[in-house]
N, C-alpha and C. Protein backbone atom coordinates (compact mmCIF):
# COMPACT_ATOMS: atom_id res chain seq x y z
N MET A 1 40.74 59.75 -4.89
CA MET A 1 40.97 61.16 -5.11
C MET A 1 40.63 61.57 -6.53
N LYS A 2 40.89 60.72 -7.51
CA LYS A 2 40.60 61.07 -8.89
C LYS A 2 39.12 61.33 -9.13
N PRO A 3 38.19 60.50 -8.55
CA PRO A 3 36.77 60.82 -8.77
C PRO A 3 36.41 62.20 -8.23
N LEU A 4 36.98 62.58 -7.09
CA LEU A 4 36.70 63.90 -6.55
C LEU A 4 37.21 64.99 -7.48
N LEU A 5 38.41 64.81 -8.00
CA LEU A 5 38.97 65.81 -8.91
C LEU A 5 38.13 65.92 -10.17
N LEU A 6 37.64 64.78 -10.66
CA LEU A 6 36.77 64.80 -11.83
C LEU A 6 35.49 65.53 -11.51
N LEU A 7 34.87 65.21 -10.35
CA LEU A 7 33.65 65.88 -9.94
C LEU A 7 33.90 67.38 -9.78
N ALA A 8 34.97 67.72 -9.11
CA ALA A 8 35.29 69.14 -8.90
C ALA A 8 35.52 69.84 -10.23
N SER A 9 36.21 69.19 -11.16
CA SER A 9 36.47 69.84 -12.44
C SER A 9 35.18 70.05 -13.23
N MET A 10 34.22 69.13 -13.06
CA MET A 10 32.94 69.31 -13.74
C MET A 10 32.10 70.40 -13.08
N LEU A 11 32.25 70.55 -11.76
CA LEU A 11 31.41 71.49 -11.03
C LEU A 11 32.03 72.86 -10.83
N LEU A 12 33.35 72.98 -10.98
CA LEU A 12 33.99 74.27 -10.73
C LEU A 12 33.38 75.41 -11.53
N PRO A 13 33.00 75.22 -12.79
CA PRO A 13 32.34 76.33 -13.47
C PRO A 13 31.07 76.76 -12.74
N ASN A 14 30.33 75.80 -12.18
CA ASN A 14 29.14 76.13 -11.41
C ASN A 14 29.49 76.79 -10.09
N ILE A 15 30.55 76.30 -9.45
CA ILE A 15 30.95 76.89 -8.18
C ILE A 15 31.31 78.36 -8.39
N ALA A 16 31.95 78.67 -9.48
CA ALA A 16 32.42 80.03 -9.72
C ALA A 16 31.36 80.95 -10.29
N ALA A 17 30.24 80.40 -10.74
CA ALA A 17 29.24 81.22 -11.43
C ALA A 17 28.33 81.94 -10.44
N ALA A 18 28.54 83.22 -10.32
CA ALA A 18 27.72 84.03 -9.43
C ALA A 18 26.30 84.22 -9.96
N THR A 19 26.08 83.90 -11.21
CA THR A 19 24.77 84.11 -11.82
C THR A 19 23.88 82.87 -11.80
N ASP A 20 24.35 81.77 -11.22
CA ASP A 20 23.53 80.56 -11.16
C ASP A 20 22.26 80.84 -10.37
N THR A 21 21.23 80.12 -10.74
CA THR A 21 19.96 80.27 -10.03
C THR A 21 20.07 79.61 -8.66
N PHE A 22 19.11 79.87 -7.83
CA PHE A 22 19.04 79.26 -6.51
C PHE A 22 19.07 77.74 -6.64
N ASP A 23 18.23 77.19 -7.49
CA ASP A 23 18.15 75.74 -7.66
C ASP A 23 19.45 75.15 -8.18
N GLU A 24 20.11 75.83 -9.10
CA GLU A 24 21.40 75.35 -9.62
C GLU A 24 22.46 75.32 -8.51
N ARG A 25 22.44 76.34 -7.66
CA ARG A 25 23.40 76.39 -6.56
C ARG A 25 23.15 75.27 -5.55
N VAL A 26 21.87 75.00 -5.26
CA VAL A 26 21.54 73.91 -4.34
C VAL A 26 21.98 72.58 -4.95
N THR A 27 21.73 72.38 -6.24
CA THR A 27 22.13 71.14 -6.90
C THR A 27 23.64 70.95 -6.84
N THR A 28 24.39 71.98 -7.12
CA THR A 28 25.86 71.89 -7.05
C THR A 28 26.31 71.57 -5.64
N ALA A 29 25.75 72.27 -4.66
CA ALA A 29 26.12 72.02 -3.26
C ALA A 29 25.76 70.60 -2.84
N ARG A 30 24.61 70.12 -3.27
CA ARG A 30 24.18 68.76 -2.93
C ARG A 30 25.13 67.72 -3.54
N GLN A 31 25.51 67.91 -4.80
CA GLN A 31 26.42 66.98 -5.46
C GLN A 31 27.77 66.94 -4.76
N LEU A 32 28.28 68.10 -4.39
CA LEU A 32 29.55 68.13 -3.67
C LEU A 32 29.43 67.46 -2.31
N GLU A 33 28.33 67.72 -1.61
CA GLU A 33 28.13 67.16 -0.27
C GLU A 33 27.99 65.64 -0.31
N GLU A 34 27.49 65.10 -1.39
CA GLU A 34 27.28 63.65 -1.50
C GLU A 34 28.54 62.88 -1.85
N SER A 35 29.62 63.56 -2.20
CA SER A 35 30.89 62.87 -2.47
C SER A 35 31.51 62.45 -1.14
N PRO A 36 32.38 61.47 -1.14
CA PRO A 36 33.04 61.06 0.12
C PRO A 36 33.74 62.23 0.82
N GLU A 37 34.45 63.03 0.06
CA GLU A 37 35.14 64.18 0.64
C GLU A 37 34.15 65.21 1.14
N GLY A 38 33.04 65.36 0.43
CA GLY A 38 31.99 66.29 0.85
C GLY A 38 31.35 65.85 2.16
N ARG A 39 31.13 64.56 2.32
CA ARG A 39 30.57 64.06 3.57
C ARG A 39 31.54 64.32 4.72
N THR A 40 32.82 64.17 4.46
CA THR A 40 33.82 64.46 5.49
C THR A 40 33.77 65.93 5.88
N TYR A 41 33.72 66.82 4.88
CA TYR A 41 33.66 68.25 5.20
C TYR A 41 32.35 68.60 5.90
N SER A 42 31.25 67.96 5.53
CA SER A 42 29.96 68.24 6.18
C SER A 42 30.03 68.00 7.68
N ARG A 43 30.71 66.93 8.08
CA ARG A 43 30.85 66.66 9.52
C ARG A 43 31.62 67.80 10.20
N VAL A 44 32.69 68.26 9.57
CA VAL A 44 33.47 69.37 10.12
C VAL A 44 32.62 70.64 10.15
N PHE A 45 31.92 70.89 9.07
CA PHE A 45 31.08 72.08 8.91
C PHE A 45 30.02 72.16 10.01
N TYR A 46 29.24 71.09 10.17
CA TYR A 46 28.16 71.11 11.15
C TYR A 46 28.67 71.08 12.58
N ALA A 47 29.80 70.42 12.82
CA ALA A 47 30.39 70.45 14.16
C ALA A 47 30.81 71.87 14.53
N ALA A 48 31.31 72.60 13.56
CA ALA A 48 31.79 73.97 13.81
C ALA A 48 30.66 74.97 14.00
N ILE A 49 29.55 74.78 13.29
CA ILE A 49 28.50 75.80 13.35
C ILE A 49 27.21 75.32 14.02
N GLY A 50 27.21 74.11 14.55
CA GLY A 50 26.00 73.55 15.16
C GLY A 50 25.37 74.45 16.20
N GLU A 51 26.17 74.97 17.10
CA GLU A 51 25.65 75.84 18.15
C GLU A 51 25.08 77.13 17.56
N GLN A 52 25.78 77.70 16.57
CA GLN A 52 25.29 78.90 15.90
C GLN A 52 23.95 78.65 15.20
N LEU A 53 23.83 77.47 14.56
CA LEU A 53 22.58 77.12 13.89
C LEU A 53 21.43 77.03 14.89
N GLY A 54 21.69 76.37 16.03
CA GLY A 54 20.66 76.24 17.06
C GLY A 54 20.22 77.59 17.59
N THR A 55 21.18 78.47 17.85
CA THR A 55 20.85 79.82 18.33
C THR A 55 20.02 80.57 17.31
N ALA A 56 20.41 80.51 16.04
CA ALA A 56 19.67 81.20 14.98
C ALA A 56 18.25 80.67 14.87
N MET A 57 18.08 79.36 14.94
CA MET A 57 16.74 78.78 14.85
C MET A 57 15.88 79.22 16.02
N ARG A 58 16.43 79.22 17.23
CA ARG A 58 15.65 79.65 18.40
C ARG A 58 15.27 81.12 18.31
N GLN A 59 16.16 81.95 17.76
CA GLN A 59 15.87 83.37 17.65
C GLN A 59 14.86 83.66 16.54
N CYS A 60 14.96 82.94 15.44
CA CYS A 60 14.11 83.23 14.28
C CYS A 60 12.80 82.44 14.31
N PHE A 61 12.79 81.31 14.96
CA PHE A 61 11.60 80.46 15.07
C PHE A 61 11.36 80.14 16.55
N PRO A 62 11.00 81.16 17.35
CA PRO A 62 10.84 80.93 18.78
C PRO A 62 9.74 79.89 19.04
N PRO A 63 9.95 79.03 20.04
CA PRO A 63 8.99 77.96 20.30
C PRO A 63 7.58 78.45 20.61
N GLU A 64 7.47 79.64 21.15
CA GLU A 64 6.14 80.15 21.53
C GLU A 64 5.40 80.80 20.36
N SER A 65 6.00 80.85 19.19
CA SER A 65 5.35 81.47 18.03
C SER A 65 4.95 80.41 17.01
N THR A 66 4.06 80.81 16.13
CA THR A 66 3.65 79.94 15.02
C THR A 66 4.57 80.23 13.84
N SER A 67 5.15 79.19 13.29
CA SER A 67 6.06 79.35 12.17
C SER A 67 5.32 79.84 10.93
N ASP A 68 5.96 80.70 10.17
CA ASP A 68 5.35 81.20 8.93
C ASP A 68 5.74 80.37 7.72
N THR A 69 6.41 79.24 7.94
CA THR A 69 6.74 78.28 6.87
C THR A 69 6.94 76.91 7.50
N ASP A 70 6.64 75.87 6.75
CA ASP A 70 6.85 74.50 7.24
C ASP A 70 8.26 74.01 6.94
N ARG A 71 8.84 74.57 5.90
CA ARG A 71 10.19 74.16 5.49
C ARG A 71 10.82 75.27 4.68
N PHE A 72 12.14 75.29 4.69
CA PHE A 72 12.86 76.25 3.85
C PHE A 72 14.26 75.71 3.58
N THR A 73 14.88 76.28 2.55
CA THR A 73 16.24 75.92 2.16
C THR A 73 17.08 77.18 2.12
N VAL A 74 18.26 77.09 2.67
CA VAL A 74 19.22 78.18 2.58
C VAL A 74 20.43 77.67 1.79
N VAL A 75 20.94 78.53 0.91
CA VAL A 75 22.14 78.20 0.13
C VAL A 75 23.07 79.40 0.20
N ALA A 76 24.37 79.11 0.26
CA ALA A 76 25.37 80.18 0.35
C ALA A 76 26.70 79.67 -0.19
N ASN A 77 27.58 80.60 -0.49
CA ASN A 77 28.97 80.26 -0.80
C ASN A 77 29.79 80.62 0.42
N VAL A 78 30.46 79.63 0.99
CA VAL A 78 31.35 79.86 2.13
C VAL A 78 32.73 80.17 1.55
N LEU A 79 33.31 81.24 2.05
CA LEU A 79 34.60 81.72 1.53
C LEU A 79 35.75 81.24 2.41
N SER A 80 36.95 81.33 1.87
CA SER A 80 38.13 80.87 2.58
C SER A 80 38.40 81.67 3.86
N ASN A 81 37.86 82.87 3.97
CA ASN A 81 38.06 83.66 5.18
C ASN A 81 37.03 83.35 6.27
N GLY A 82 36.19 82.33 6.05
CA GLY A 82 35.23 81.92 7.07
C GLY A 82 33.91 82.65 7.03
N THR A 83 33.69 83.46 6.02
CA THR A 83 32.42 84.18 5.89
C THR A 83 31.61 83.57 4.74
N ALA A 84 30.38 84.05 4.60
CA ALA A 84 29.51 83.56 3.53
C ALA A 84 29.07 84.73 2.66
N LYS A 85 28.87 84.42 1.38
CA LYS A 85 28.31 85.42 0.47
C LYS A 85 27.21 84.74 -0.33
N GLN A 86 26.44 85.53 -1.03
CA GLN A 86 25.33 85.03 -1.85
C GLN A 86 24.41 84.12 -1.03
N VAL A 87 24.07 84.55 0.17
CA VAL A 87 23.19 83.77 1.03
C VAL A 87 21.75 84.04 0.60
N GLU A 88 21.06 82.96 0.23
CA GLU A 88 19.67 83.05 -0.21
C GLU A 88 18.84 82.02 0.51
N VAL A 89 17.54 82.28 0.59
CA VAL A 89 16.61 81.37 1.23
C VAL A 89 15.33 81.29 0.41
N ARG A 90 14.75 80.09 0.34
CA ARG A 90 13.47 79.86 -0.33
C ARG A 90 12.64 78.91 0.50
N PRO A 91 11.36 79.13 0.70
CA PRO A 91 10.71 80.39 0.42
C PRO A 91 11.19 81.46 1.39
N GLU A 92 11.12 82.68 0.95
CA GLU A 92 11.53 83.77 1.82
C GLU A 92 10.31 84.27 2.57
N THR A 93 10.34 84.06 3.86
CA THR A 93 9.32 84.57 4.78
C THR A 93 10.03 85.42 5.81
N LYS A 94 9.28 86.02 6.69
CA LYS A 94 9.91 86.84 7.72
C LYS A 94 10.87 85.98 8.56
N MET A 95 10.44 84.79 8.93
CA MET A 95 11.27 83.94 9.78
C MET A 95 12.45 83.33 9.02
N SER A 96 12.23 82.87 7.80
CA SER A 96 13.35 82.29 7.05
C SER A 96 14.36 83.38 6.67
N ALA A 97 13.88 84.60 6.41
CA ALA A 97 14.79 85.71 6.12
C ALA A 97 15.64 86.05 7.36
N CYS A 98 15.03 85.94 8.53
CA CYS A 98 15.78 86.13 9.78
C CYS A 98 16.91 85.11 9.85
N PHE A 99 16.59 83.84 9.55
CA PHE A 99 17.61 82.80 9.59
C PHE A 99 18.69 83.07 8.55
N ARG A 100 18.29 83.49 7.35
CA ARG A 100 19.26 83.82 6.30
C ARG A 100 20.25 84.86 6.81
N ASP A 101 19.73 85.90 7.45
CA ASP A 101 20.59 86.98 7.95
C ASP A 101 21.52 86.48 9.06
N LYS A 102 21.02 85.62 9.93
CA LYS A 102 21.86 85.05 10.99
C LYS A 102 22.94 84.15 10.37
N PHE A 103 22.55 83.34 9.39
CA PHE A 103 23.50 82.45 8.71
C PHE A 103 24.60 83.27 8.04
N ALA A 104 24.22 84.38 7.43
CA ALA A 104 25.20 85.23 6.74
C ALA A 104 26.24 85.79 7.71
N GLY A 105 25.89 85.90 8.98
CA GLY A 105 26.82 86.44 9.97
C GLY A 105 27.65 85.39 10.70
N MET A 106 27.46 84.12 10.38
CA MET A 106 28.20 83.05 11.07
C MET A 106 29.64 82.98 10.59
N HIS A 107 30.46 82.35 11.43
CA HIS A 107 31.86 82.09 11.06
C HIS A 107 31.97 80.60 10.74
N PHE A 108 32.54 80.27 9.59
CA PHE A 108 32.59 78.91 9.08
C PHE A 108 34.00 78.35 9.13
N PRO A 109 34.11 77.00 9.17
CA PRO A 109 35.44 76.37 9.25
C PRO A 109 36.21 76.49 7.94
N SER A 110 37.49 76.20 8.01
CA SER A 110 38.35 76.22 6.83
C SER A 110 37.77 75.34 5.73
N LEU A 111 37.96 75.76 4.51
CA LEU A 111 37.40 75.04 3.36
C LEU A 111 38.25 73.85 2.96
N PRO A 112 37.63 72.84 2.37
CA PRO A 112 38.40 71.71 1.84
C PRO A 112 39.16 72.13 0.60
N SER A 113 40.10 71.32 0.19
CA SER A 113 40.97 71.66 -0.94
C SER A 113 40.22 71.78 -2.27
N TYR A 114 39.06 71.16 -2.40
CA TYR A 114 38.34 71.21 -3.67
C TYR A 114 37.46 72.44 -3.84
N ALA A 115 37.43 73.32 -2.87
CA ALA A 115 36.62 74.54 -2.97
C ALA A 115 37.15 75.41 -4.12
N GLY A 116 36.24 76.07 -4.80
CA GLY A 116 36.62 76.93 -5.91
C GLY A 116 37.08 78.30 -5.43
N ALA A 117 37.49 79.12 -6.36
CA ALA A 117 37.97 80.47 -6.04
C ALA A 117 36.88 81.32 -5.42
N ASN A 118 35.62 81.06 -5.77
CA ASN A 118 34.51 81.81 -5.19
C ASN A 118 33.91 81.12 -3.98
N GLY A 119 34.65 80.20 -3.39
CA GLY A 119 34.19 79.53 -2.18
C GLY A 119 33.51 78.21 -2.49
N LEU A 120 32.86 77.69 -1.48
CA LEU A 120 32.20 76.39 -1.56
C LEU A 120 30.71 76.58 -1.36
N PRO A 121 29.88 76.12 -2.30
CA PRO A 121 28.44 76.23 -2.08
C PRO A 121 28.00 75.22 -1.03
N VAL A 122 27.19 75.68 -0.11
CA VAL A 122 26.60 74.83 0.93
C VAL A 122 25.11 75.11 0.97
N PHE A 123 24.36 74.12 1.45
CA PHE A 123 22.92 74.32 1.58
C PHE A 123 22.43 73.57 2.80
N ILE A 124 21.30 74.02 3.32
CA ILE A 124 20.62 73.33 4.41
C ILE A 124 19.13 73.34 4.10
N ASP A 125 18.52 72.17 4.13
CA ASP A 125 17.07 72.04 4.05
C ASP A 125 16.55 71.92 5.48
N TRP A 126 15.62 72.79 5.84
CA TRP A 126 15.03 72.76 7.17
C TRP A 126 13.57 72.36 7.10
N ASN A 127 13.17 71.47 7.98
CA ASN A 127 11.76 71.16 8.21
C ASN A 127 11.42 71.67 9.59
N ILE A 128 10.41 72.52 9.68
CA ILE A 128 10.04 73.11 10.95
C ILE A 128 8.96 72.23 11.57
N LYS A 129 9.25 71.69 12.74
CA LYS A 129 8.29 70.83 13.43
C LYS A 129 7.80 71.57 14.67
N PRO A 130 6.49 71.62 14.84
CA PRO A 130 5.95 72.32 16.04
C PRO A 130 6.30 71.63 17.34
């Protein structure tokens, strides 16, 4: 538990900073996700939103269409009320922006104890395969 508290104390300023760049937010989310507690929350997170993610991908990247990107990353802060804020996507294309908007409307599971006051940064790297 102490390593997590140390990691959280080092990252909390980043978690709370609404002005961080996209890359800084992804880095913070990645570091949190790679901790033992972060891996535990990731399983809960993806189990809770897996179906929503699949629906969003099918709607935004229909199988009969040609994708306008090969890969994209979405980053957001998940809040304690189950919503997301500061949802961003790179690169932003018509299809990845569609996914960003769908992601912003999802309902997320309860946050772990180490989440900051401004929520927990999360990210997803997507590779689009034809």
